[in-house]
Structures are given as C-alpha cells and as structure tokens.
PDB file of N, CA and C in Angstrom:
ATOM      1  N   MET A   1     -36.524 -57.911  -8.817  1.00  0.00           N
ATOM      2  CA  MET A   1     -37.810 -58.102  -8.166  1.00  0.00           C
ATOM      3  C   MET A   1     -38.494 -59.318  -8.790  1.00  0.00           C
ATOM      4  N   ASN A   2     -39.246 -60.021  -7.976  1.00  0.00           N
ATOM      5  CA  ASN A   2     -39.955 -61.185  -8.487  1.00  0.00           C
ATOM      6  C   ASN A   2     -41.456 -61.075  -8.193  1.00  0.00           C
ATOM      7  N   VAL A   3     -42.200 -61.986  -8.750  1.00  0.00           N
ATOM      8  CA  VAL A   3     -43.655 -61.947  -8.622  1.00  0.00           C
ATOM      9  C   VAL A   3     -44.082 -62.035  -7.164  1.00  0.00           C
ATOM     10  N   LYS A   4     -43.428 -62.878  -6.383  1.00  0.00           N
ATOM     11  CA  LYS A   4     -43.800 -63.031  -4.976  1.00  0.00           C
ATOM     12  C   LYS A   4     -43.633 -61.701  -4.224  1.00  0.00           C
ATOM     13  N   GLU A   5     -42.518 -61.024  -4.462  1.00  0.00           N
ATOM     14  CA  GLU A   5     -42.279 -59.730  -3.805  1.00  0.00           C
ATOM     15  C   GLU A   5     -43.312 -58.695  -4.237  1.00  0.00           C
ATOM     16  N   LEU A   6     -43.594 -58.656  -5.534  1.00  0.00           N
ATOM     17  CA  LEU A   6     -44.582 -57.704  -6.037  1.00  0.00           C
ATOM     18  C   LEU A   6     -45.965 -58.003  -5.461  1.00  0.00           C
ATOM     19  N   ALA A   7     -46.316 -59.273  -5.393  1.00  0.00           N
ATOM     20  CA  ALA A   7     -47.616 -59.653  -4.824  1.00  0.00           C
ATOM     21  C   ALA A   7     -47.710 -59.203  -3.371  1.00  0.00           C
ATOM     22  N   GLU A   8     -46.642 -59.440  -2.614  1.00  0.00           N
ATOM     23  CA  GLU A   8     -46.635 -59.035  -1.207  1.00  0.00           C
ATOM     24  C   GLU A   8     -46.804 -57.529  -1.070  1.00  0.00           C
ATOM     25  N   LYS A   9     -46.149 -56.762  -1.936  1.00  0.00           N
ATOM     26  CA  LYS A   9     -46.244 -55.298  -1.865  1.00  0.00           C
ATOM     27  C   LYS A   9     -47.648 -54.796  -2.169  1.00  0.00           C
ATOM     28  N   THR A  10     -48.389 -55.564  -2.956  1.00  0.00           N
ATOM     29  CA  THR A  10     -49.750 -55.158  -3.278  1.00  0.00           C
ATOM     30  C   THR A  10     -50.774 -55.752  -2.323  1.00  0.00           C
ATOM     31  N   GLY A  11     -50.322 -56.647  -1.437  1.00  0.00           N
ATOM     32  CA  GLY A  11     -51.227 -57.269  -0.485  1.00  0.00           C
ATOM     33  C   GLY A  11     -52.055 -58.389  -1.078  1.00  0.00           C
ATOM     34  N   LEU A  12     -51.559 -58.970  -2.158  1.00  0.00           N
ATOM     35  CA  LEU A  12     -52.279 -60.048  -2.833  1.00  0.00           C
ATOM     36  C   LEU A  12     -51.529 -61.356  -2.705  1.00  0.00           C
ATOM     37  N   GLU A  13     -52.264 -62.431  -2.909  1.00  0.00           N
ATOM     38  CA  GLU A  13     -51.631 -63.734  -3.024  1.00  0.00           C
ATOM     39  C   GLU A  13     -50.952 -63.788  -4.389  1.00  0.00           C
ATOM     40  N   GLU A  14     -49.949 -64.627  -4.496  1.00  0.00           N
ATOM     41  CA  GLU A  14     -49.184 -64.698  -5.736  1.00  0.00           C
ATOM     42  C   GLU A  14     -50.063 -65.053  -6.945  1.00  0.00           C
ATOM     43  N   ASP A  15     -50.985 -65.995  -6.784  1.00  0.00           N
ATOM     44  CA  ASP A  15     -51.836 -66.378  -7.913  1.00  0.00           C
ATOM     45  C   ASP A  15     -52.786 -65.248  -8.305  1.00  0.00           C
ATOM     46  N   GLU A  16     -53.264 -64.487  -7.326  1.00  0.00           N
ATOM     47  CA  GLU A  16     -54.126 -63.343  -7.627  1.00  0.00           C
ATOM     48  C   GLU A  16     -53.341 -62.282  -8.391  1.00  0.00           C
ATOM     49  N   TYR A  17     -52.121 -62.051  -7.934  1.00  0.00           N
ATOM     50  CA  TYR A  17     -51.271 -61.058  -8.594  1.00  0.00           C
ATOM     51  C   TYR A  17     -50.984 -61.477 -10.038  1.00  0.00           C
ATOM     52  N   MET A  18     -50.722 -62.771 -10.250  1.00  0.00           N
ATOM     53  CA  MET A  18     -50.449 -63.274 -11.598  1.00  0.00           C
ATOM     54  C   MET A  18     -51.650 -63.044 -12.519  1.00  0.00           C
ATOM     55  N   GLU A  19     -52.850 -63.252 -11.998  1.00  0.00           N
ATOM     56  CA  GLU A  19     -54.055 -63.008 -12.789  1.00  0.00           C
ATOM     57  C   GLU A  19     -54.142 -61.541 -13.200  1.00  0.00           C
ATOM     58  N   LEU A  20     -53.830 -60.659 -12.257  1.00  0.00           N
ATOM     59  CA  LEU A  20     -53.860 -59.231 -12.569  1.00  0.00           C
ATOM     60  C   LEU A  20     -52.767 -58.853 -13.564  1.00  0.00           C
ATOM     61  N   LEU A  21     -51.603 -59.486 -13.459  1.00  0.00           N
ATOM     62  CA  LEU A  21     -50.540 -59.238 -14.428  1.00  0.00           C
ATOM     63  C   LEU A  21     -50.976 -59.640 -15.835  1.00  0.00           C
ATOM     64  N   GLU A  22     -51.646 -60.781 -15.934  1.00  0.00           N
ATOM     65  CA  GLU A  22     -52.138 -61.224 -17.241  1.00  0.00           C
ATOM     66  C   GLU A  22     -53.124 -60.213 -17.812  1.00  0.00           C
ATOM     67  N   LEU A  23     -54.018 -59.733 -16.981  1.00  0.00           N
ATOM     68  CA  LEU A  23     -54.980 -58.720 -17.408  1.00  0.00           C
ATOM     69  C   LEU A  23     -54.249 -57.440 -17.810  1.00  0.00           C
ATOM     70  N   PHE A  24     -53.254 -57.053 -17.024  1.00  0.00           N
ATOM     71  CA  PHE A  24     -52.464 -55.859 -17.343  1.00  0.00           C
ATOM     72  C   PHE A  24     -51.813 -55.993 -18.711  1.00  0.00           C
ATOM     73  N   ILE A  25     -51.228 -57.134 -18.984  1.00  0.00           N
ATOM     74  CA  ILE A  25     -50.550 -57.333 -20.262  1.00  0.00           C
ATOM     75  C   ILE A  25     -51.548 -57.199 -21.414  1.00  0.00           C
ATOM     76  N   ASP A  26     -52.721 -57.786 -21.251  1.00  0.00           N
ATOM     77  CA  ASP A  26     -53.750 -57.671 -22.290  1.00  0.00           C
ATOM     78  C   ASP A  26     -54.191 -56.219 -22.471  1.00  0.00           C
ATOM     79  N   MET A  27     -54.468 -55.547 -21.375  1.00  0.00           N
ATOM     80  CA  MET A  27     -54.956 -54.169 -21.450  1.00  0.00           C
ATOM     81  C   MET A  27     -53.874 -53.203 -21.906  1.00  0.00           C
ATOM     82  N   SER A  28     -52.641 -53.471 -21.532  1.00  0.00           N
ATOM     83  CA  SER A  28     -51.563 -52.567 -21.924  1.00  0.00           C
ATOM     84  C   SER A  28     -51.357 -52.592 -23.432  1.00  0.00           C
ATOM     85  N   ALA A  29     -51.651 -53.727 -24.066  1.00  0.00           N
ATOM     86  CA  ALA A  29     -51.541 -53.805 -25.526  1.00  0.00           C
ATOM     87  C   ALA A  29     -52.501 -52.802 -26.172  1.00  0.00           C
ATOM     88  N   ALA A  30     -53.700 -52.699 -25.639  1.00  0.00           N
ATOM     89  CA  ALA A  30     -54.673 -51.738 -26.170  1.00  0.00           C
ATOM     90  C   ALA A  30     -54.219 -50.307 -25.893  1.00  0.00           C
ATOM     91  N   ASP A  31     -53.740 -50.056 -24.683  1.00  0.00           N
ATOM     92  CA  ASP A  31     -53.251 -48.708 -24.353  1.00  0.00           C
ATOM     93  C   ASP A  31     -52.072 -48.313 -25.240  1.00  0.00           C
ATOM     94  N   LEU A  32     -51.163 -49.249 -25.466  1.00  0.00           N
ATOM     95  CA  LEU A  32     -50.007 -48.956 -26.315  1.00  0.00           C
ATOM     96  C   LEU A  32     -50.434 -48.702 -27.760  1.00  0.00           C
ATOM     97  N   ALA A  33     -51.398 -49.475 -28.247  1.00  0.00           N
ATOM     98  CA  ALA A  33     -51.905 -49.246 -29.606  1.00  0.00           C
ATOM     99  C   ALA A  33     -52.546 -47.864 -29.704  1.00  0.00           C
ATOM    100  N   ASN A  34     -53.315 -47.493 -28.693  1.00  0.00           N
ATOM    101  CA  ASN A  34     -53.930 -46.158 -28.670  1.00  0.00           C
ATOM    102  C   ASN A  34     -52.862 -45.071 -28.612  1.00  0.00           C
ATOM    103  N   LEU A  35     -51.831 -45.307 -27.824  1.00  0.00           N
ATOM    104  CA  LEU A  35     -50.739 -44.341 -27.724  1.00  0.00           C
ATOM    105  C   LEU A  35     -50.031 -44.168 -29.062  1.00  0.00           C
ATOM    106  N   GLU A  36     -49.722 -45.281 -29.706  1.00  0.00           N
ATOM    107  CA  GLU A  36     -49.028 -45.205 -30.992  1.00  0.00           C
ATOM    108  C   GLU A  36     -49.888 -44.489 -32.030  1.00  0.00           C
ATOM    109  N   ASN A  37     -51.181 -44.783 -32.027  1.00  0.00           N
ATOM    110  CA  ASN A  37     -52.093 -44.124 -32.953  1.00  0.00           C
ATOM    111  C   ASN A  37     -52.149 -42.622 -32.670  1.00  0.00           C
ATOM    112  N   ALA A  38     -52.239 -42.279 -31.397  1.00  0.00           N
ATOM    113  CA  ALA A  38     -52.295 -40.864 -31.013  1.00  0.00           C
ATOM    114  C   ALA A  38     -51.001 -40.137 -31.395  1.00  0.00           C
ATOM    115  N   MET A  39     -49.879 -40.814 -31.223  1.00  0.00           N
ATOM    116  CA  MET A  39     -48.601 -40.201 -31.609  1.00  0.00           C
ATOM    117  C   MET A  39     -48.559 -39.992 -33.120  1.00  0.00           C
ATOM    118  N   GLY A  40     -49.040 -40.987 -33.852  1.00  0.00           N
ATOM    119  CA  GLY A  40     -49.031 -40.892 -35.309  1.00  0.00           C
ATOM    120  C   GLY A  40     -49.891 -39.766 -35.845  1.00  0.00           C
ATOM    121  N   THR A  41     -50.984 -39.485 -35.145  1.00  0.00           N
ATOM    122  CA  THR A  41     -51.889 -38.414 -35.575  1.00  0.00           C
ATOM    123  C   THR A  41     -51.662 -37.118 -34.800  1.00  0.00           C
ATOM    124  N   LYS A  42     -50.646 -37.133 -33.940  1.00  0.00           N
ATOM    125  CA  LYS A  42     -50.309 -35.965 -33.103  1.00  0.00           C
ATOM    126  C   LYS A  42     -51.490 -35.509 -32.242  1.00  0.00           C
ATOM    127  N   ASN A  43     -52.264 -36.490 -31.772  1.00  0.00           N
ATOM    128  CA  ASN A  43     -53.423 -36.215 -30.930  1.00  0.00           C
ATOM    129  C   ASN A  43     -52.987 -36.321 -29.469  1.00  0.00           C
ATOM    130  N   THR A  44     -52.566 -35.197 -28.914  1.00  0.00           N
ATOM    131  CA  THR A  44     -52.028 -35.216 -27.558  1.00  0.00           C
ATOM    132  C   THR A  44     -53.095 -35.542 -26.508  1.00  0.00           C
ATOM    133  N   GLY A  45     -54.330 -35.201 -26.782  1.00  0.00           N
ATOM    134  CA  GLY A  45     -55.402 -35.525 -25.834  1.00  0.00           C
ATOM    135  C   GLY A  45     -55.580 -37.023 -25.684  1.00  0.00           C
ATOM    136  N   GLU A  46     -55.611 -37.725 -26.800  1.00  0.00           N
ATOM    137  CA  GLU A  46     -55.738 -39.181 -26.756  1.00  0.00           C
ATOM    138  C   GLU A  46     -54.477 -39.830 -26.189  1.00  0.00           C
ATOM    139  N   ALA A  47     -53.327 -39.262 -26.506  1.00  0.00           N
ATOM    140  CA  ALA A  47     -52.067 -39.783 -25.959  1.00  0.00           C
ATOM    141  C   ALA A  47     -52.069 -39.652 -24.435  1.00  0.00           C
ATOM    142  N   GLU A  48     -52.536 -38.524 -23.958  1.00  0.00           N
ATOM    143  CA  GLU A  48     -52.589 -38.300 -22.509  1.00  0.00           C
ATOM    144  C   GLU A  48     -53.509 -39.323 -21.835  1.00  0.00           C
ATOM    145  N   LYS A  49     -54.671 -39.581 -22.419  1.00  0.00           N
ATOM    146  CA  LYS A  49     -55.615 -40.548 -21.847  1.00  0.00           C
ATOM    147  C   LYS A  49     -55.024 -41.957 -21.798  1.00  0.00           C
ATOM    148  N   ALA A  50     -54.443 -42.382 -22.915  1.00  0.00           N
ATOM    149  CA  ALA A  50     -53.883 -43.733 -22.976  1.00  0.00           C
ATOM    150  C   ALA A  50     -52.706 -43.874 -22.019  1.00  0.00           C
ATOM    151  N   ALA A  51     -51.860 -42.855 -21.960  1.00  0.00           N
ATOM    152  CA  ALA A  51     -50.710 -42.896 -21.055  1.00  0.00           C
ATOM    153  C   ALA A  51     -51.174 -42.906 -19.602  1.00  0.00           C
ATOM    154  N   HIS A  52     -52.206 -42.150 -19.300  1.00  0.00           N
ATOM    155  CA  HIS A  52     -52.738 -42.109 -17.935  1.00  0.00           C
ATOM    156  C   HIS A  52     -53.268 -43.487 -17.526  1.00  0.00           C
ATOM    157  N   SER A  53     -53.961 -44.137 -18.429  1.00  0.00           N
ATOM    158  CA  SER A  53     -54.489 -45.480 -18.160  1.00  0.00           C
ATOM    159  C   SER A  53     -53.349 -46.461 -17.882  1.00  0.00           C
ATOM    160  N   LEU A  54     -52.339 -46.416 -18.715  1.00  0.00           N
ATOM    161  CA  LEU A  54     -51.188 -47.303 -18.562  1.00  0.00           C
ATOM    162  C   LEU A  54     -50.431 -46.991 -17.274  1.00  0.00           C
ATOM    163  N   LYS A  55     -50.295 -45.711 -16.972  1.00  0.00           N
ATOM    164  CA  LYS A  55     -49.600 -45.297 -15.749  1.00  0.00           C
ATOM    165  C   LYS A  55     -50.323 -45.822 -14.513  1.00  0.00           C
ATOM    166  N   GLY A  56     -51.627 -45.664 -14.472  1.00  0.00           N
ATOM    167  CA  GLY A  56     -52.395 -46.100 -13.312  1.00  0.00           C
ATOM    168  C   GLY A  56     -52.385 -47.605 -13.114  1.00  0.00           C
ATOM    169  N   ALA A  57     -52.563 -48.330 -14.205  1.00  0.00           N
ATOM    170  CA  ALA A  57     -52.589 -49.793 -14.111  1.00  0.00           C
ATOM    171  C   ALA A  57     -51.236 -50.327 -13.651  1.00  0.00           C
ATOM    172  N   SER A  58     -50.173 -49.793 -14.214  1.00  0.00           N
ATOM    173  CA  SER A  58     -48.845 -50.283 -13.839  1.00  0.00           C
ATOM    174  C   SER A  58     -48.486 -49.870 -12.413  1.00  0.00           C
ATOM    175  N   ALA A  59     -48.897 -48.688 -12.005  1.00  0.00           N
ATOM    176  CA  ALA A  59     -48.612 -48.241 -10.635  1.00  0.00           C
ATOM    177  C   ALA A  59     -49.336 -49.124  -9.615  1.00  0.00           C
ATOM    178  N   SER A  60     -50.565 -49.505  -9.925  1.00  0.00           N
ATOM    179  CA  SER A  60     -51.321 -50.325  -8.970  1.00  0.00           C
ATOM    180  C   SER A  60     -50.696 -51.710  -8.795  1.00  0.00           C
ATOM    181  N   LEU A  61     -49.937 -52.150  -9.804  1.00  0.00           N
ATOM    182  CA  LEU A  61     -49.253 -53.437  -9.719  1.00  0.00           C
ATOM    183  C   LEU A  61     -47.796 -53.287  -9.286  1.00  0.00           C
ATOM    184  N   ARG A  62     -47.428 -52.083  -8.899  1.00  0.00           N
ATOM    185  CA  ARG A  62     -46.071 -51.781  -8.434  1.00  0.00           C
ATOM    186  C   ARG A  62     -45.017 -51.981  -9.527  1.00  0.00           C
ATOM    187  N   LEU A  63     -45.414 -51.742 -10.775  1.00  0.00           N
ATOM    188  CA  LEU A  63     -44.487 -51.796 -11.904  1.00  0.00           C
ATOM    189  C   LEU A  63     -44.001 -50.374 -12.146  1.00  0.00           C
ATOM    190  N   ALA A  64     -43.109 -49.939 -11.264  1.00  0.00           N
ATOM    191  CA  ALA A  64     -42.711 -48.532 -11.178  1.00  0.00           C
ATOM    192  C   ALA A  64     -42.091 -47.991 -12.460  1.00  0.00           C
ATOM    193  N   GLU A  65     -41.237 -48.767 -13.103  1.00  0.00           N
ATOM    194  CA  GLU A  65     -40.571 -48.249 -14.297  1.00  0.00           C
ATOM    195  C   GLU A  65     -41.571 -47.950 -15.406  1.00  0.00           C
ATOM    196  N   ILE A  66     -42.513 -48.857 -15.603  1.00  0.00           N
ATOM    197  CA  ILE A  66     -43.534 -48.645 -16.630  1.00  0.00           C
ATOM    198  C   ILE A  66     -44.391 -47.446 -16.268  1.00  0.00           C
ATOM    199  N   SER A  67     -44.774 -47.359 -15.000  1.00  0.00           N
ATOM    200  CA  SER A  67     -45.591 -46.246 -14.543  1.00  0.00           C
ATOM    201  C   SER A  67     -44.887 -44.909 -14.750  1.00  0.00           C
ATOM    202  N   GLU A  68     -43.607 -44.858 -14.436  1.00  0.00           N
ATOM    203  CA  GLU A  68     -42.848 -43.610 -14.603  1.00  0.00           C
ATOM    204  C   GLU A  68     -42.745 -43.207 -16.072  1.00  0.00           C
ATOM    205  N   LEU A  69     -42.491 -44.171 -16.944  1.00  0.00           N
ATOM    206  CA  LEU A  69     -42.388 -43.877 -18.373  1.00  0.00           C
ATOM    207  C   LEU A  69     -43.728 -43.395 -18.927  1.00  0.00           C
ATOM    208  N   ALA A  70     -44.804 -44.077 -18.547  1.00  0.00           N
ATOM    209  CA  ALA A  70     -46.133 -43.668 -18.995  1.00  0.00           C
ATOM    210  C   ALA A  70     -46.470 -42.286 -18.445  1.00  0.00           C
ATOM    211  N   GLY A  71     -46.049 -42.023 -17.214  1.00  0.00           N
ATOM    212  CA  GLY A  71     -46.265 -40.701 -16.620  1.00  0.00           C
ATOM    213  C   GLY A  71     -45.550 -39.603 -17.381  1.00  0.00           C
ATOM    214  N   LEU A  72     -44.380 -39.909 -17.879  1.00  0.00           N
ATOM    215  CA  LEU A  72     -43.631 -38.928 -18.667  1.00  0.00           C
ATOM    216  C   LEU A  72     -44.354 -38.642 -19.988  1.00  0.00           C
ATOM    217  N   ILE A  73     -44.853 -39.694 -20.638  1.00  0.00           N
ATOM    218  CA  ILE A  73     -45.628 -39.486 -21.870  1.00  0.00           C
ATOM    219  C   ILE A  73     -46.863 -38.645 -21.566  1.00  0.00           C
ATOM    220  N   GLU A  74     -47.543 -38.977 -20.469  1.00  0.00           N
ATOM    221  CA  GLU A  74     -48.748 -38.231 -20.077  1.00  0.00           C
ATOM    222  C   GLU A  74     -48.428 -36.761 -19.852  1.00  0.00           C
ATOM    223  N   LYS A  75     -47.354 -36.494 -19.127  1.00  0.00           N
ATOM    224  CA  LYS A  75     -46.944 -35.110 -18.839  1.00  0.00           C
ATOM    225  C   LYS A  75     -46.639 -34.358 -20.133  1.00  0.00           C
ATOM    226  N   ASN A  76     -45.871 -34.996 -21.000  1.00  0.00           N
ATOM    227  CA  ASN A  76     -45.534 -34.353 -22.269  1.00  0.00           C
ATOM    228  C   ASN A  76     -46.780 -34.073 -23.096  1.00  0.00           C
ATOM    229  N   ALA A  77     -47.680 -35.035 -23.155  1.00  0.00           N
ATOM    230  CA  ALA A  77     -48.911 -34.860 -23.930  1.00  0.00           C
ATOM    231  C   ALA A  77     -49.754 -33.736 -23.350  1.00  0.00           C
ATOM    232  N   ARG A  78     -49.800 -33.661 -22.032  1.00  0.00           N
ATOM    233  CA  ARG A  78     -50.552 -32.577 -21.372  1.00  0.00           C
ATOM    234  C   ARG A  78     -49.991 -31.214 -21.770  1.00  0.00           C
ATOM    235  N   GLU A  79     -48.690 -31.183 -22.040  1.00  0.00           N
ATOM    236  CA  GLU A  79     -48.024 -29.948 -22.469  1.00  0.00           C
ATOM    237  C   GLU A  79     -47.999 -29.831 -23.996  1.00  0.00           C
ATOM    238  N   ASN A  80     -48.854 -30.615 -24.658  1.00  0.00           N
ATOM    239  CA  ASN A  80     -48.994 -30.636 -26.114  1.00  0.00           C
ATOM    240  C   ASN A  80     -47.709 -31.006 -26.846  1.00  0.00           C
ATOM    241  N   SER A  81     -46.974 -31.930 -26.281  1.00  0.00           N
ATOM    242  CA  SER A  81     -45.745 -32.401 -26.911  1.00  0.00           C
ATOM    243  C   SER A  81     -45.795 -33.923 -27.050  1.00  0.00           C
ATOM    244  N   ILE A  82     -45.392 -34.391 -28.217  1.00  0.00           N
ATOM    245  CA  ILE A  82     -45.262 -35.833 -28.414  1.00  0.00           C
ATOM    246  C   ILE A  82     -43.789 -36.198 -28.596  1.00  0.00           C
ATOM    247  N   GLN A  83     -42.933 -35.222 -28.348  1.00  0.00           N
ATOM    248  CA  GLN A  83     -41.502 -35.432 -28.532  1.00  0.00           C
ATOM    249  C   GLN A  83     -41.002 -36.592 -27.670  1.00  0.00           C
ATOM    250  N   GLY A  84     -40.297 -37.508 -28.299  1.00  0.00           N
ATOM    251  CA  GLY A  84     -39.743 -38.656 -27.588  1.00  0.00           C
ATOM    252  C   GLY A  84     -40.748 -39.736 -27.263  1.00  0.00           C
ATOM    253  N   GLY A  85     -41.991 -39.535 -27.676  1.00  0.00           N
ATOM    254  CA  GLY A  85     -43.048 -40.481 -27.328  1.00  0.00           C
ATOM    255  C   GLY A  85     -42.835 -41.877 -27.872  1.00  0.00           C
ATOM    256  N   ILE A  86     -42.423 -41.974 -29.120  1.00  0.00           N
ATOM    257  CA  ILE A  86     -42.229 -43.293 -29.730  1.00  0.00           C
ATOM    258  C   ILE A  86     -41.116 -44.055 -29.014  1.00  0.00           C
ATOM    259  N   GLU A  87     -40.046 -43.363 -28.678  1.00  0.00           N
ATOM    260  CA  GLU A  87     -38.948 -44.014 -27.955  1.00  0.00           C
ATOM    261  C   GLU A  87     -39.407 -44.490 -26.591  1.00  0.00           C
ATOM    262  N   LEU A  88     -40.205 -43.687 -25.914  1.00  0.00           N
ATOM    263  CA  LEU A  88     -40.727 -44.080 -24.605  1.00  0.00           C
ATOM    264  C   LEU A  88     -41.669 -45.274 -24.730  1.00  0.00           C
ATOM    265  N   ILE A  89     -42.485 -45.269 -25.770  1.00  0.00           N
ATOM    266  CA  ILE A  89     -43.391 -46.399 -25.997  1.00  0.00           C
ATOM    267  C   ILE A  89     -42.587 -47.673 -26.227  1.00  0.00           C
ATOM    268  N   ASN A  90     -41.549 -47.579 -27.019  1.00  0.00           N
ATOM    269  CA  ASN A  90     -40.711 -48.754 -27.278  1.00  0.00           C
ATOM    270  C   ASN A  90     -40.051 -49.260 -26.003  1.00  0.00           C
ATOM    271  N   THR A  91     -39.642 -48.350 -25.144  1.00  0.00           N
ATOM    272  CA  THR A  91     -39.057 -48.750 -23.862  1.00  0.00           C
ATOM    273  C   THR A  91     -40.102 -49.439 -22.991  1.00  0.00           C
ATOM    274  N   ILE A  92     -41.312 -48.903 -22.985  1.00  0.00           N
ATOM    275  CA  ILE A  92     -42.402 -49.538 -22.226  1.00  0.00           C
ATOM    276  C   ILE A  92     -42.657 -50.947 -22.752  1.00  0.00           C
ATOM    277  N   LYS A  93     -42.659 -51.104 -24.064  1.00  0.00           N
ATOM    278  CA  LYS A  93     -42.865 -52.434 -24.648  1.00  0.00           C
ATOM    279  C   LYS A  93     -41.800 -53.411 -24.161  1.00  0.00           C
ATOM    280  N   GLU A  94     -40.563 -52.953 -24.085  1.00  0.00           N
ATOM    281  CA  GLU A  94     -39.483 -53.815 -23.596  1.00  0.00           C
ATOM    282  C   GLU A  94     -39.699 -54.177 -22.129  1.00  0.00           C
ATOM    283  N   LYS A  95     -40.148 -53.208 -21.342  1.00  0.00           N
ATOM    284  CA  LYS A  95     -40.430 -53.469 -19.923  1.00  0.00           C
ATOM    285  C   LYS A  95     -41.569 -54.476 -19.773  1.00  0.00           C
ATOM    286  N   ILE A  96     -42.571 -54.376 -20.641  1.00  0.00           N
ATOM    287  CA  ILE A  96     -43.690 -55.321 -20.582  1.00  0.00           C
ATOM    288  C   ILE A  96     -43.217 -56.711 -20.985  1.00  0.00           C
ATOM    289  N   LYS A  97     -42.316 -56.798 -21.939  1.00  0.00           N
ATOM    290  CA  LYS A  97     -41.723 -58.101 -22.269  1.00  0.00           C
ATOM    291  C   LYS A  97     -41.030 -58.682 -21.038  1.00  0.00           C
ATOM    292  N   GLY A  98     -40.378 -57.821 -20.271  1.00  0.00           N
ATOM    293  CA  GLY A  98     -39.744 -58.263 -19.035  1.00  0.00           C
ATOM    294  C   GLY A  98     -40.753 -58.801 -18.044  1.00  0.00           C
ATOM    295  N   VAL A  99     -41.920 -58.168 -17.974  1.00  0.00           N
ATOM    296  CA  VAL A  99     -42.995 -58.654 -17.100  1.00  0.00           C
ATOM    297  C   VAL A  99     -43.449 -60.031 -17.565  1.00  0.00           C
ATOM    298  N   LYS A 100     -43.608 -60.187 -18.866  1.00  0.00           N
ATOM    299  CA  LYS A 100     -44.004 -61.498 -19.407  1.00  0.00           C
ATOM    300  C   LYS A 100     -42.961 -62.561 -19.026  1.00  0.00           C
ATOM    301  N   ASN A 101     -41.698 -62.204 -19.137  1.00  0.00           N
ATOM    302  CA  ASN A 101     -40.634 -63.135 -18.757  1.00  0.00           C
ATOM    303  C   ASN A 101     -40.696 -63.449 -17.272  1.00  0.00           C
ATOM    304  N   LEU A 102     -40.992 -62.458 -16.467  1.00  0.00           N
ATOM    305  CA  LEU A 102     -41.127 -62.640 -15.026  1.00  0.00           C
ATOM    306  C   LEU A 102     -42.219 -63.654 -14.715  1.00  0.00           C
ATOM    307  N   MET A 103     -43.235 -63.660 -15.564  1.00  0.00           N
ATOM    308  CA  MET A 103     -44.361 -64.579 -15.397  1.00  0.00           C
ATOM    309  C   MET A 103     -44.047 -65.968 -15.948  1.00  0.00           C
ATOM    310  N   GLY A 104     -42.923 -66.078 -16.600  1.00  0.00           N
ATOM    311  CA  GLY A 104     -42.560 -67.373 -17.158  1.00  0.00           C
ATOM    312  C   GLY A 104     -43.062 -67.592 -18.559  1.00  0.00           C
ATOM    313  N   GLY A 105     -43.404 -66.502 -19.255  1.00  0.00           N
ATOM    314  CA  GLY A 105     -43.935 -66.668 -20.606  1.00  0.00           C
ATOM    315  C   GLY A 105     -43.269 -65.823 -21.521  1.00  0.00           C
TER     316      GLY A 105
END
C-alpha cells in the first residue's frame, strides 16, 4: 500500500493525508510511551486508554495492522492482562517505522 492509496481510502488529498500521518507519528510516540509506562507499572487502565487512542488514530488513517495490534493490547488490558504487551508494542513501533519509510523519512 502507498500513501496515495491510503489518502484515497480516507477521502483526502495526498498532501492532507501526509500532514495527518506526521501528526499521527508524533502523537503515537506519546501513546507508546504511555503504554510502556503502564505496562511497566502494570496499570491496565492506563494501558487500555493509551491503546484505545492509538487504535483509533491508526484506524482513521487506515493503518489496519497498527490498529489491530493496539486493539489487542486494549482488549487484553480491559481483561486486566498485560501479557504480551511489550512484544505487541515493539511490533507497533516497527510498523510505525514502516509508515515513516512510506513517507520517505
């Protein structure tokens, strides 16, 4: 998938979509930091909130893989489990690196 296809799926112009991707990358860093902190302190409530934020933002940009992974963390946290959370976070980080590469950076 490329930026043009993703922009079309969201109904945006390519430059508008790129701006939103940049914002997503900035905001996802905060969500990921919150997630890692919540995992470290076993705070499932905070993990659920951060994962929900990341899931929604990525879904709105049609970044399905990131959204699905964040959704899994959210579901697990809702069930008071942080099992596998760090691995999922690391996978999300790799997917976000892929988004950065997609943007040419």
